[in-house]
C-alpha atoms as a PDB file:
ATOM      1  CA  MET A   1      85.024 119.145 101.773  1.00  0.00           C
ATOM      2  CA  PRO A   2      86.202 119.643  98.196  1.00  0.00           C
ATOM      3  CA  LEU A   3      84.992 117.247  95.560  1.00  0.00           C
ATOM      4  CA  ASP A   4      87.311 114.146  95.038  1.00  0.00           C
ATOM      5  CA  THR A   5      88.197 114.190  91.451  1.00  0.00           C
ATOM      6  CA  ASP A   6      90.842 111.399  91.569  1.00  0.00           C
ATOM      7  CA  GLN A   7      89.367 108.452  89.503  1.00  0.00           C
ATOM      8  CA  ARG A   8      92.404 106.426  89.375  1.00  0.00           C
ATOM      9  CA  PRO A   9      92.112 102.809  90.688  1.00  0.00           C
ATOM     10  CA  VAL A  10      92.733 102.598  94.487  1.00  0.00           C
ATOM     11  CA  ILE A  11      95.511 100.222  95.949  1.00  0.00           C
ATOM     12  CA  LEU A  12      95.754  99.304  99.456  1.00  0.00           C
ATOM     13  CA  THR A  13      98.790  97.441 100.651  1.00  0.00           C
ATOM     14  CA  GLY A  14     100.982  97.384 103.701  1.00  0.00           C
ATOM     15  CA  ASP A  15     103.154  95.520 106.250  1.00  0.00           C
ATOM     16  CA  ARG A  16     103.060  94.500 109.802  1.00  0.00           C
ATOM     17  CA  THR A  17     105.416  96.514 111.851  1.00  0.00           C
ATOM     18  CA  THR A  18     107.336  93.758 113.454  1.00  0.00           C
ATOM     19  CA  GLY A  19     110.936  94.504 112.093  1.00  0.00           C
ATOM     20  CA  PRO A  20     112.638  96.011 109.138  1.00  0.00           C
ATOM     21  CA  LEU A  21     111.853  94.732 105.752  1.00  0.00           C
ATOM     22  CA  HIS A  22     114.038  92.414 103.663  1.00  0.00           C
ATOM     23  CA  LEU A  23     114.730  91.429  99.957  1.00  0.00           C
ATOM     24  CA  GLY A  24     111.577  89.060 100.151  1.00  0.00           C
ATOM     25  CA  HIS A  25     109.337  92.090 100.647  1.00  0.00           C
ATOM     26  CA  TYR A  26     111.082  93.855  97.930  1.00  0.00           C
ATOM     27  CA  ALA A  27     110.698  91.275  95.349  1.00  0.00           C
ATOM     28  CA  GLY A  28     107.158  90.323  96.430  1.00  0.00           C
ATOM     29  CA  SER A  29     105.719  93.777  96.777  1.00  0.00           C
ATOM     30  CA  LEU A  30     107.803  96.877  97.246  1.00  0.00           C
ATOM     31  CA  ARG A  31     109.092  97.206  93.703  1.00  0.00           C
ATOM     32  CA  ASN A  32     105.631  96.909  92.450  1.00  0.00           C
ATOM     33  CA  ARG A  33     104.385  99.494  94.867  1.00  0.00           C
ATOM     34  CA  VAL A  34     107.067 101.881  93.657  1.00  0.00           C
ATOM     35  CA  ALA A  35     105.880 101.447  90.040  1.00  0.00           C
ATOM     36  CA  LEU A  36     102.124 101.452  90.614  1.00  0.00           C
ATOM     37  CA  GLN A  37     102.144 104.700  92.737  1.00  0.00           C
ATOM     38  CA  HIS A  38     102.357 106.651  89.311  1.00  0.00           C
ATOM     39  CA  SER A  39      99.157 105.142  87.940  1.00  0.00           C
ATOM     40  CA  HIS A  40      97.140 104.293  90.958  1.00  0.00           C
ATOM     41  CA  ARG A  41      95.979 105.991  94.250  1.00  0.00           C
ATOM     42  CA  GLN A  42      97.935 104.063  96.605  1.00  0.00           C
ATOM     43  CA  TYR A  43      97.564 103.802 100.443  1.00  0.00           C
ATOM     44  CA  LEU A  44     100.292 102.120 102.237  1.00  0.00           C
ATOM     45  CA  LEU A  45      99.436 100.840 105.736  1.00  0.00           C
ATOM     46  CA  LEU A  46     101.710 100.526 108.641  1.00  0.00           C
ATOM     47  CA  ALA A  47      99.842  97.539 110.147  1.00  0.00           C
ATOM     48  CA  ASP A  48     100.793  98.032 113.879  1.00  0.00           C
ATOM     49  CA  THR A  49      97.414  96.658 115.250  1.00  0.00           C
ATOM     50  CA  GLN A  50      97.575  93.600 113.171  1.00  0.00           C
ATOM     51  CA  ALA A  51     101.166  92.977 114.398  1.00  0.00           C
ATOM     52  CA  LEU A  52      99.865  92.752 117.783  1.00  0.00           C
ATOM     53  CA  THR A  53      97.694  89.785 116.990  1.00  0.00           C
ATOM     54  CA  ASP A  54     100.766  87.586 117.733  1.00  0.00           C
ATOM     55  CA  ASN A  55     103.145  90.153 119.336  1.00  0.00           C
ATOM     56  CA  ALA A  56     100.847  91.337 122.249  1.00  0.00           C
ATOM     57  CA  ALA A  57     103.455  90.315 124.692  1.00  0.00           C
ATOM     58  CA  ASP A  58     106.039  92.912 123.207  1.00  0.00           C
ATOM     59  CA  PRO A  59     104.061  96.089 122.096  1.00  0.00           C
ATOM     60  CA  ALA A  60     107.257  97.915 122.253  1.00  0.00           C
ATOM     61  CA  LYS A  61     108.805  95.921 119.429  1.00  0.00           C
ATOM     62  CA  VAL A  62     105.597  96.821 117.320  1.00  0.00           C
ATOM     63  CA  ARG A  63     105.834 100.547 118.219  1.00  0.00           C
ATOM     64  CA  ARG A  64     109.603 100.926 117.394  1.00  0.00           C
ATOM     65  CA  ASN A  65     109.296  99.155 114.204  1.00  0.00           C
ATOM     66  CA  VAL A  66     106.823 101.702 112.861  1.00  0.00           C
ATOM     67  CA  LEU A  67     109.700 103.989 112.213  1.00  0.00           C
ATOM     68  CA  GLU A  68     111.873 101.104 110.750  1.00  0.00           C
ATOM     69  CA  VAL A  69     109.158 100.118 108.169  1.00  0.00           C
ATOM     70  CA  ALA A  70     108.380 103.594 107.191  1.00  0.00           C
ATOM     71  CA  LEU A  71     112.208 104.327 106.539  1.00  0.00           C
ATOM     72  CA  ASP A  72     112.264 101.295 104.249  1.00  0.00           C
ATOM     73  CA  TYR A  73     109.241 102.459 102.320  1.00  0.00           C
ATOM     74  CA  LEU A  74     110.794 105.830 101.582  1.00  0.00           C
ATOM     75  CA  ALA A  75     114.353 104.261 100.930  1.00  0.00           C
ATOM     76  CA  VAL A  76     113.068 102.101  98.173  1.00  0.00           C
ATOM     77  CA  GLY A  77     111.255 104.971  96.370  1.00  0.00           C
ATOM     78  CA  ILE A  78     107.893 105.322  97.822  1.00  0.00           C
ATOM     79  CA  ASP A  79     107.099 109.009  97.193  1.00  0.00           C
ATOM     80  CA  PRO A  80     104.712 110.437  99.918  1.00  0.00           C
ATOM     81  CA  ALA A  81     103.416 112.821  97.560  1.00  0.00           C
ATOM     82  CA  LYS A  82     102.075 109.954  95.364  1.00  0.00           C
ATOM     83  CA  THR A  83     101.320 107.203  98.011  1.00  0.00           C
ATOM     84  CA  THR A  84      99.684 107.879 101.277  1.00  0.00           C
ATOM     85  CA  ILE A  85     101.662 106.324 104.190  1.00  0.00           C
ATOM     86  CA  CYS A  86      99.408 105.813 107.179  1.00  0.00           C
ATOM     87  CA  LEU A  87      99.306 104.062 110.611  1.00  0.00           C
ATOM     88  CA  GLN A  88      96.611 101.444 111.181  1.00  0.00           C
ATOM     89  CA  SER A  89      96.126 102.342 114.872  1.00  0.00           C
ATOM     90  CA  GLY A  90      95.454 105.819 113.988  1.00  0.00           C
ATOM     91  CA  LEU A  91      92.422 104.817 111.904  1.00  0.00           C
ATOM     92  CA  PRO A  92      89.584 103.948 114.345  1.00  0.00           C
ATOM     93  CA  ALA A  93      87.034 103.371 111.489  1.00  0.00           C
ATOM     94  CA  LEU A  94      88.995 100.207 110.620  1.00  0.00           C
ATOM     95  CA  ALA A  95      88.535  98.765 114.056  1.00  0.00           C
ATOM     96  CA  GLU A  96      84.796  99.539 113.951  1.00  0.00           C
ATOM     97  CA  LEU A  97      84.423  98.009 110.390  1.00  0.00           C
ATOM     98  CA  THR A  98      86.149  94.927 111.618  1.00  0.00           C
ATOM     99  CA  LEU A  99      83.641  94.547 114.493  1.00  0.00           C
ATOM    100  CA  LEU A 100      80.795  94.903 111.908  1.00  0.00           C
ATOM    101  CA  TYR A 101      82.306  92.404 109.507  1.00  0.00           C
ATOM    102  CA  LEU A 102      82.611  89.861 112.059  1.00  0.00           C
ATOM    103  CA  ASN A 103      78.741  89.599 111.974  1.00  0.00           C
ATOM    104  CA  PHE A 104      78.985  88.412 108.282  1.00  0.00           C
ATOM    105  CA  VAL A 105      81.443  85.684 108.752  1.00  0.00           C
ATOM    106  CA  THR A 106      81.489  82.415 110.780  1.00  0.00           C
ATOM    107  CA  VAL A 107      84.333  81.021 112.991  1.00  0.00           C
ATOM    108  CA  SER A 108      84.369  77.910 110.841  1.00  0.00           C
ATOM    109  CA  ARG A 109      84.912  79.993 107.646  1.00  0.00           C
ATOM    110  CA  LEU A 110      87.926  81.907 109.558  1.00  0.00           C
ATOM    111  CA  GLU A 111      89.314  78.635 110.616  1.00  0.00           C
ATOM    112  CA  ARG A 112      89.182  77.164 107.025  1.00  0.00           C
ATOM    113  CA  ASN A 113      90.957  80.092 105.368  1.00  0.00           C
ATOM    114  CA  PRO A 114      94.219  78.382 103.971  1.00  0.00           C
ATOM    115  CA  THR A 115      96.485  81.326 104.878  1.00  0.00           C
ATOM    116  CA  ILE A 116      95.246  81.287 108.391  1.00  0.00           C
ATOM    117  CA  LYS A 117      95.465  77.566 108.776  1.00  0.00           C
ATOM    118  CA  GLU A 118      99.169  77.660 107.589  1.00  0.00           C
ATOM    119  CA  GLU A 119     100.028  80.475 109.837  1.00  0.00           C
ATOM    120  CA  ILE A 120      98.399  78.881 112.918  1.00  0.00           C
ATOM    121  CA  GLN A 121     100.528  75.627 112.135  1.00  0.00           C
ATOM    122  CA  ALA A 122     103.659  77.627 111.625  1.00  0.00           C
ATOM    123  CA  ARG A 123     103.286  79.248 114.890  1.00  0.00           C
ATOM    124  CA  GLY A 124     102.398  76.319 116.812  1.00  0.00           C
ATOM    125  CA  PHE A 125      99.362  77.907 118.445  1.00  0.00           C
ATOM    126  CA  GLY A 126      97.330  74.514 118.400  1.00  0.00           C
ATOM    127  CA  ARG A 127      93.837  75.666 119.901  1.00  0.00           C
ATOM    128  CA  ASP A 128      95.471  78.519 121.840  1.00  0.00           C
ATOM    129  CA  ILE A 129      94.835  80.775 118.868  1.00  0.00           C
ATOM    130  CA  PRO A 130      94.592  84.567 119.906  1.00  0.00           C
ATOM    131  CA  ALA A 131      91.160  85.685 118.876  1.00  0.00           C
ATOM    132  CA  GLY A 132      92.624  88.775 117.054  1.00  0.00           C
ATOM    133  CA  PHE A 133      94.778  86.267 115.064  1.00  0.00           C
ATOM    134  CA  LEU A 134      91.963  84.281 113.962  1.00  0.00           C
ATOM    135  CA  CYS A 135      89.951  87.191 113.084  1.00  0.00           C
ATOM    136  CA  TYR A 136      92.574  88.612 110.936  1.00  0.00           C
ATOM    137  CA  PRO A 137      90.741  88.045 107.734  1.00  0.00           C
ATOM    138  CA  ALA A 138      87.931  90.222 108.872  1.00  0.00           C
ATOM    139  CA  ALA A 139      90.487  92.912 109.935  1.00  0.00           C
ATOM    140  CA  GLN A 140      92.113  92.841 106.465  1.00  0.00           C
ATOM    141  CA  ALA A 141      88.688  93.068 104.880  1.00  0.00           C
ATOM    142  CA  ALA A 142      88.172  96.305 106.905  1.00  0.00           C
ATOM    143  CA  ASP A 143      91.622  97.717 105.778  1.00  0.00           C
ATOM    144  CA  ILE A 144      90.770  96.967 102.133  1.00  0.00           C
ATOM    145  CA  THR A 145      87.249  98.089 102.014  1.00  0.00           C
ATOM    146  CA  GLY A 146      87.798 101.012 104.337  1.00  0.00           C
ATOM    147  CA  PHE A 147      89.824 102.709 101.523  1.00  0.00           C
ATOM    148  CA  LYS A 148      87.514 101.224  98.933  1.00  0.00           C
ATOM    149  CA  ALA A 149      90.325  99.546  97.315  1.00  0.00           C
ATOM    150  CA  THR A 150      90.007  97.453  94.168  1.00  0.00           C
ATOM    151  CA  VAL A 151      93.430  96.311  93.737  1.00  0.00           C
ATOM    152  CA  VAL A 152      95.658  94.626  96.463  1.00  0.00           C
ATOM    153  CA  PRO A 153      99.237  93.521  95.857  1.00  0.00           C
ATOM    154  CA  VAL A 154      99.804  90.354  97.548  1.00  0.00           C
ATOM    155  CA  GLY A 155     101.793  87.013  97.337  1.00  0.00           C
ATOM    156  CA  GLU A 156     100.000  83.997  96.012  1.00  0.00           C
ATOM    157  CA  ASP A 157      99.687  82.597  99.599  1.00  0.00           C
ATOM    158  CA  GLN A 158      97.697  85.685 100.527  1.00  0.00           C
ATOM    159  CA  ALA A 159      94.995  85.255  97.813  1.00  0.00           C
ATOM    160  CA  PRO A 160      92.576  83.420  99.903  1.00  0.00           C
ATOM    161  CA  LEU A 161      92.377  86.446 102.164  1.00  0.00           C
ATOM    162  CA  ILE A 162      91.203  88.697  99.277  1.00  0.00           C
ATOM    163  CA  GLU A 163      88.542  85.884  98.238  1.00  0.00           C
ATOM    164  CA  GLN A 164      87.348  86.019 102.045  1.00  0.00           C
ATOM    165  CA  THR A 165      87.317  89.901 101.849  1.00  0.00           C
ATOM    166  CA  ASN A 166      85.254  89.689  98.737  1.00  0.00           C
ATOM    167  CA  GLU A 167      82.755  87.173 100.308  1.00  0.00           C
ATOM    168  CA  ILE A 168      82.287  89.680 103.287  1.00  0.00           C
ATOM    169  CA  VAL A 169      81.663  92.552 100.728  1.00  0.00           C
ATOM    170  CA  ARG A 170      79.015  90.475  98.830  1.00  0.00           C
ATOM    171  CA  ARG A 171      77.152  89.505 102.018  1.00  0.00           C
ATOM    172  CA  LEU A 172      77.138  92.961 103.272  1.00  0.00           C
ATOM    173  CA  ASN A 173      75.985  94.559  99.964  1.00  0.00           C
ATOM    174  CA  ARG A 174      73.217  91.936  99.847  1.00  0.00           C
ATOM    175  CA  GLN A 175      72.127  92.835 103.389  1.00  0.00           C
ATOM    176  CA  ILE A 176      72.281  96.596 102.447  1.00  0.00           C
ATOM    177  CA  GLY A 177      70.579  96.240  99.113  1.00  0.00           C
ATOM    178  CA  ARG A 178      73.092  98.040  97.042  1.00  0.00           C
ATOM    179  CA  ALA A 179      76.858  97.924  96.263  1.00  0.00           C
ATOM    180  CA  VAL A 180      78.194 100.154  98.962  1.00  0.00           C
ATOM    181  CA  LEU A 181      81.630  98.410  98.810  1.00  0.00           C
ATOM    182  CA  PRO A 182      83.681  97.247  95.831  1.00  0.00           C
ATOM    183  CA  GLU A 183      85.155  93.959  95.439  1.00  0.00           C
ATOM    184  CA  ALA A 184      89.015  93.689  95.074  1.00  0.00           C
ATOM    185  CA  ARG A 185      91.270  91.744  93.015  1.00  0.00           C
ATOM    186  CA  ALA A 186      94.645  90.287  94.058  1.00  0.00           C
ATOM    187  CA  LEU A 187      97.718  91.495  92.204  1.00  0.00           C
ATOM    188  CA  ILE A 188     100.056  88.668  92.486  1.00  0.00           C
ATOM    189  CA  PRO A 189     103.778  89.445  91.372  1.00  0.00           C
ATOM    190  CA  SER A 190     105.434  87.336  88.620  1.00  0.00           C
ATOM    191  CA  VAL A 191     108.085  86.529  91.131  1.00  0.00           C
ATOM    192  CA  GLY A 192     106.944  83.912  93.680  1.00  0.00           C
ATOM    193  CA  ARG A 193     107.590  83.783  97.394  1.00  0.00           C
ATOM    194  CA  LEU A 194     111.568  84.171  97.793  1.00  0.00           C
ATOM    195  CA  PRO A 195     113.117  81.510  99.692  1.00  0.00           C
ATOM    196  CA  GLY A 196     115.444  82.175 102.676  1.00  0.00           C
ATOM    197  CA  VAL A 197     119.177  81.947 101.833  1.00  0.00           C
ATOM    198  CA  ASP A 198     119.245  78.589 103.668  1.00  0.00           C
ATOM    199  CA  GLY A 199     116.725  77.165 101.360  1.00  0.00           C
ATOM    200  CA  LYS A 200     114.381  76.503 104.101  1.00  0.00           C
ATOM    201  CA  GLY A 201     110.893  77.936 103.492  1.00  0.00           C
ATOM    202  CA  LYS A 202     110.390  81.607 102.871  1.00  0.00           C
ATOM    203  CA  MET A 203     112.757  84.448 103.708  1.00  0.00           C
ATOM    204  CA  SER A 204     111.791  85.425 107.266  1.00  0.00           C
ATOM    205  CA  LYS A 205     113.355  87.800 109.838  1.00  0.00           C
ATOM    206  CA  SER A 206     112.410  85.379 112.569  1.00  0.00           C
ATOM    207  CA  GLN A 207     114.078  82.501 111.050  1.00  0.00           C
ATOM    208  CA  GLY A 208     117.450  84.389 110.509  1.00  0.00           C
ATOM    209  CA  ASN A 209     117.435  83.475 106.717  1.00  0.00           C
ATOM    210  CA  ALA A 210     116.724  87.100 105.430  1.00  0.00           C
ATOM    211  CA  ILE A 211     118.696  89.696 103.820  1.00  0.00           C
ATOM    212  CA  PRO A 212     117.515  93.037 105.057  1.00  0.00           C
ATOM    213  CA  LEU A 213     117.268  96.261 102.851  1.00  0.00           C
ATOM    214  CA  SER A 214     119.531  97.861 105.057  1.00  0.00           C
ATOM    215  CA  ALA A 215     122.294  94.964 104.857  1.00  0.00           C
ATOM    216  CA  THR A 216     125.844  96.044 104.533  1.00  0.00           C
ATOM    217  CA  PRO A 217     128.198  94.899 101.860  1.00  0.00           C
ATOM    218  CA  ASP A 218     129.727  92.210 104.118  1.00  0.00           C
ATOM    219  CA  ASP A 219     126.272  91.127 105.207  1.00  0.00           C
ATOM    220  CA  ILE A 220     125.305  90.554 101.539  1.00  0.00           C
ATOM    221  CA  ARG A 221     128.531  88.804 100.856  1.00  0.00           C
ATOM    222  CA  ASP A 222     128.218  86.496 103.771  1.00  0.00           C
ATOM    223  CA  ALA A 223     124.549  85.689 102.846  1.00  0.00           C
ATOM    224  CA  VAL A 224     125.260  84.874  99.258  1.00  0.00           C
ATOM    225  CA  ARG A 225     128.120  82.646 100.479  1.00  0.00           C
ATOM    226  CA  ARG A 226     125.807  80.724 102.613  1.00  0.00           C
ATOM    227  CA  MET A 227     123.120  80.329 100.023  1.00  0.00           C
ATOM    228  CA  TYR A 228     121.883  76.824  99.391  1.00  0.00           C
ATOM    229  CA  THR A 229     122.615  75.487  95.827  1.00  0.00           C
ATOM    230  CA  ASP A 230     122.482  72.022  94.431  1.00  0.00           C
ATOM    231  CA  PRO A 231     124.020  69.664  97.286  1.00  0.00           C
ATOM    232  CA  ASN A 232     124.938  66.922  94.631  1.00  0.00           C
ATOM    233  CA  HIS A 233     126.968  69.669  92.618  1.00  0.00           C
ATOM    234  CA  LEU A 234     130.399  68.780  94.262  1.00  0.00           C
ATOM    235  CA  ARG A 235     132.594  69.612  91.301  1.00  0.00           C
ATOM    236  CA  ALA A 236     132.396  72.498  88.759  1.00  0.00           C
ATOM    237  CA  GLY A 237     132.894  69.947  85.811  1.00  0.00           C
ATOM    238  CA  GLU A 238     129.595  68.053  86.924  1.00  0.00           C
ATOM    239  CA  PRO A 239     126.081  69.006  85.653  1.00  0.00           C
ATOM    240  CA  GLY A 240     124.093  70.838  88.218  1.00  0.00           C
ATOM    241  CA  THR A 241     120.374  71.206  88.922  1.00  0.00           C
ATOM    242  CA  VAL A 242     118.870  74.582  88.715  1.00  0.00           C
ATOM    243  CA  GLU A 243     115.374  73.779  90.103  1.00  0.00           C
ATOM    244  CA  GLY A 244     115.276  74.467  93.821  1.00  0.00           C
ATOM    245  CA  ASN A 245     118.658  76.139  93.643  1.00  0.00           C
ATOM    246  CA  VAL A 246     118.379  79.272  95.784  1.00  0.00           C
ATOM    247  CA  VAL A 247     121.090  81.222  93.912  1.00  0.00           C
ATOM    248  CA  PHE A 248     119.259  80.851  90.640  1.00  0.00           C
ATOM    249  CA  THR A 249     115.985  81.705  92.168  1.00  0.00           C
ATOM    250  CA  TYR A 250     117.462  84.980  93.259  1.00  0.00           C
ATOM    251  CA  LEU A 251     118.986  85.586  89.860  1.00  0.00           C
ATOM    252  CA  ASP A 252     115.500  85.023  88.288  1.00  0.00           C
ATOM    253  CA  ALA A 253     114.267  87.659  90.665  1.00  0.00           C
ATOM    254  CA  PHE A 254     116.867  90.369  90.474  1.00  0.00           C
ATOM    255  CA  ASP A 255     118.844  89.877  87.342  1.00  0.00           C
ATOM    256  CA  GLU A 256     117.601  91.996  84.650  1.00  0.00           C
ATOM    257  CA  ASP A 257     119.706  90.340  81.919  1.00  0.00           C
ATOM    258  CA  ARG A 258     117.348  87.383  81.181  1.00  0.00           C
ATOM    259  CA  ALA A 259     119.348  86.108  78.258  1.00  0.00           C
ATOM    260  CA  ALA A 260     122.482  85.955  80.561  1.00  0.00           C
ATOM    261  CA  VAL A 261     120.658  84.090  83.201  1.00  0.00           C
ATOM    262  CA  GLU A 262     119.201  81.549  80.892  1.00  0.00           C
ATOM    263  CA  ALA A 263     122.856  80.983  79.411  1.00  0.00           C
ATOM    264  CA  LEU A 264     124.107  80.531  82.954  1.00  0.00           C
ATOM    265  CA  LYS A 265     121.430  77.926  83.714  1.00  0.00           C
ATOM    266  CA  ALA A 266     122.161  75.904  80.522  1.00  0.00           C
ATOM    267  CA  HIS A 267     125.876  76.013  81.467  1.00  0.00           C
ATOM    268  CA  TYR A 268     125.199  74.805  84.936  1.00  0.00           C
ATOM    269  CA  ARG A 269     123.048  72.055  83.815  1.00  0.00           C
ATOM    270  CA  ARG A 270     125.616  70.633  81.280  1.00  0.00           C
ATOM    271  CA  GLY A 271     128.516  71.173  83.708  1.00  0.00           C
ATOM    272  CA  GLY A 272     131.599  73.337  83.583  1.00  0.00           C
ATOM    273  CA  LEU A 273     130.234  76.058  85.838  1.00  0.00           C
ATOM    274  CA  GLY A 274     131.027  76.267  89.511  1.00  0.00           C
ATOM    275  CA  ASP A 275     128.727  77.667  92.346  1.00  0.00           C
ATOM    276  CA  ALA A 276     131.253  80.229  93.238  1.00  0.00           C
ATOM    277  CA  ALA A 277     131.089  81.762  89.853  1.00  0.00           C
ATOM    278  CA  VAL A 278     127.247  81.941  89.995  1.00  0.00           C
ATOM    279  CA  LYS A 279     127.395  83.300  93.461  1.00  0.00           C
ATOM    280  CA  ARG A 280     129.628  86.015  92.429  1.00  0.00           C
ATOM    281  CA  ARG A 281     127.315  87.267  89.757  1.00  0.00           C
ATOM    282  CA  LEU A 282     124.598  87.270  92.346  1.00  0.00           C
ATOM    283  CA  GLU A 283     126.486  89.219  94.757  1.00  0.00           C
ATOM    284  CA  ASP A 284     127.238  91.922  92.346  1.00  0.00           C
ATOM    285  CA  ILE A 285     123.638  92.271  91.472  1.00  0.00           C
ATOM    286  CA  LEU A 286     122.457  92.550  95.085  1.00  0.00           C
ATOM    287  CA  GLN A 287     125.392  94.920  96.127  1.00  0.00           C
ATOM    288  CA  ALA A 288     124.303  97.277  93.234  1.00  0.00           C
ATOM    289  CA  LEU A 289     120.556  96.933  94.096  1.00  0.00           C
ATOM    290  CA  LEU A 290     120.915  97.460  97.857  1.00  0.00           C
ATOM    291  CA  ALA A 291     123.772 100.058  98.008  1.00  0.00           C
ATOM    292  CA  PRO A 292     121.426 103.025  97.081  1.00  0.00           C
ATOM    293  CA  ILE A 293     118.539 101.832  99.142  1.00  0.00           C
ATOM    294  CA  ARG A 294     120.926 101.549 102.271  1.00  0.00           C
ATOM    295  CA  GLU A 295     122.242 105.006 101.589  1.00  0.00           C
ATOM    296  CA  ARG A 296     118.924 106.624 101.307  1.00  0.00           C
ATOM    297  CA  ARG A 297     117.772 104.971 104.303  1.00  0.00           C
ATOM    298  CA  ALA A 298     120.701 105.953 106.595  1.00  0.00           C
ATOM    299  CA  ALA A 299     120.165 109.497 105.353  1.00  0.00           C
ATOM    300  CA  LEU A 300     116.448 109.499 106.187  1.00  0.00           C
ATOM    301  CA  ALA A 301     117.195 107.904 109.548  1.00  0.00           C
ATOM    302  CA  GLN A 302     119.188 111.187 110.530  1.00  0.00           C
ATOM    303  CA  ASP A 303     115.841 112.934 110.553  1.00  0.00           C
ATOM    304  CA  PRO A 304     113.117 110.690 112.125  1.00  0.00           C
ATOM    305  CA  GLY A 305     110.965 113.731 112.756  1.00  0.00           C
ATOM    306  CA  TYR A 306     110.677 114.224 109.013  1.00  0.00           C
ATOM    307  CA  VAL A 307     109.579 110.642 108.557  1.00  0.00           C
ATOM    308  CA  LEU A 308     107.037 110.471 111.441  1.00  0.00           C
ATOM    309  CA  ASP A 309     105.547 113.839 110.033  1.00  0.00           C
ATOM    310  CA  ILE A 310     104.988 112.101 106.761  1.00  0.00           C
ATOM    311  CA  VAL A 311     103.074 109.194 108.675  1.00  0.00           C
ATOM    312  CA  ARG A 312     101.106 111.664 110.675  1.00  0.00           C
ATOM    313  CA  SER A 313      99.867 113.599 107.613  1.00  0.00           C
ATOM    314  CA  GLY A 314      99.090 110.518 105.765  1.00  0.00           C
ATOM    315  CA  THR A 315      97.226 109.101 108.641  1.00  0.00           C
ATOM    316  CA  ARG A 316      95.071 112.270 108.877  1.00  0.00           C
ATOM    317  CA  ALA A 317      94.115 111.937 105.204  1.00  0.00           C
ATOM    318  CA  ALA A 318      93.476 108.195 105.584  1.00  0.00           C
ATOM    319  CA  ARG A 319      91.313 108.869 108.585  1.00  0.00           C
ATOM    320  CA  GLU A 320      88.950 111.034 106.596  1.00  0.00           C
ATOM    321  CA  ARG A 321      88.748 108.478 103.932  1.00  0.00           C
ATOM    322  CA  THR A 322      88.037 105.437 106.182  1.00  0.00           C
ATOM    323  CA  GLN A 323      85.454 107.342 108.241  1.00  0.00           C
ATOM    324  CA  ALA A 324      83.583 108.208 105.178  1.00  0.00           C
ATOM    325  CA  THR A 325      83.401 104.542 104.261  1.00  0.00           C
ATOM    326  CA  LEU A 326      82.364 103.475 107.824  1.00  0.00           C
ATOM    327  CA  ASP A 327      79.604 106.160 107.700  1.00  0.00           C
ATOM    328  CA  GLU A 328      78.319 104.715 104.502  1.00  0.00           C
ATOM    329  CA  VAL A 329      78.273 101.227 106.065  1.00  0.00           C
ATOM    330  CA  ARG A 330      76.631 102.362 109.131  1.00  0.00           C
ATOM    331  CA  SER A 331      73.842 104.172 107.246  1.00  0.00           C
ATOM    332  CA  GLY A 332      73.346 101.175 104.989  1.00  0.00           C
ATOM    333  CA  LEU A 333      72.755  98.875 107.858  1.00  0.00           C
ATOM    334  CA  GLY A 334      70.609 101.375 109.567  1.00  0.00           C
ATOM    335  CA  LEU A 335      72.888 102.122 112.350  1.00  0.00           C
ATOM    336  CA  LEU A 336      72.539 105.754 113.143  1.00  0.00           C
ATOM    337  CA  ALA A 337      75.371 107.856 114.746  1.00  0.00           C
ATOM    338  CA  PHE A 338      74.674 108.637 118.306  1.00  0.00           C
ATOM    339  CA  GLU A 339      74.217 112.349 117.551  1.00  0.00           C
ATOM    340  CA  ARG A 340      71.425 111.453 115.243  1.00  0.00           C
ATOM    341  CA  ILE A 341      69.732 109.242 117.688  1.00  0.00           C
ATOM    342  CA  GLU A 342      69.926 111.977 120.222  1.00  0.00           C
ATOM    343  CA  ASP A 343      68.458 114.417 117.740  1.00  0.00           C
ATOM    344  CA  ARG A 344      65.423 111.997 117.460  1.00  0.00           C
ATOM    345  CA  ALA A 345      65.205 111.736 121.172  1.00  0.00           C
ATOM    346  CA  CYS A 346      65.021 115.597 121.366  1.00  0.00           C
ATOM    347  CA  ALA A 347      62.466 115.917 118.615  1.00  0.00           C
ATOM    348  CA  LEU A 348      60.267 113.135 120.102  1.00  0.00           C
ATOM    349  CA  ARG A 349      60.601 114.980 123.560  1.00  0.00           C
ATOM    350  CA  ASP A 350      59.444 118.359 121.993  1.00  0.00           C
ATOM    351  CA  SER A 351      56.432 116.878 120.107  1.00  0.00           C
ATOM    352  CA  THR A 352      55.403 115.057 123.357  1.00  0.00           C
ATOM    353  CA  ALA A 353      55.741 118.253 125.216  1.00  0.00           C
ATOM    354  CA  ALA A 354      53.672 120.154 122.653  1.00  0.00           C
END
């Protein structure tokens, strides 16, 4: 195998394949990934195995959305020559790393993870928590360390998962007696979690309050018109509240003319600016942002074989990297591969025969 001379920092990120991606994904991570692929060695994981942790009753949904998410990646500008796009279920080393890591974390620690606690409550699991879902932090630790990533772009709500990954890394390195695995840092975007158009929690496909990246002009127009603003701002001449106003939250996230946005906020606060005018500005911005993404996605969708070939090629490359990490961890823990055990048995048999 040729010597790996790429010394750039390694990024691992990805998405569960439960449906097409939306503006929340774009604001929270996708545009960062597009920028970072030029300066980092980036791996992008289509997390179909993790998607099964709460979709095991509908594996067909997970399977068909592998292509949908891959299309979104390419449509927003992910370059397969610069970013390795790979399929989680095609990387068996990650499953074995997960199993090994579960010996370095307790059930109580998994249950205390704030991200997991919030998700368990949101899904109404109660005590009927799928074991795979509860063990998600260990699986994510396997994903991150399998690629030896040192940078992980996540939303602020996901930061506890990176903290738990580093706890596992430290425990495992102590057990081995040397730093086999690196710790990672969370790269949190300046734009926080994007709310849904209805102002109720984060943007989510399952809640029906998301704007998909493939949204049509009519979809965008309808979503902006339905956006939550200030319920007490009944007349344009009255002062309005910017804080908690979804339209202004979106302008902060997507309008590159910061001075104009601040001027709009000041005008809205003192009165004389109606919601319709602010929404028109936001609609224009979102139409301009999503039109080229939608067009590239539609063109790519005409050749699904090309997209899947990119995923296959990336998965082959990722399989080599993650297997090498697994071999290091196995060796450090004193776990010999079967072939080496067999070699020892043969050597012992030969020496006994002699």
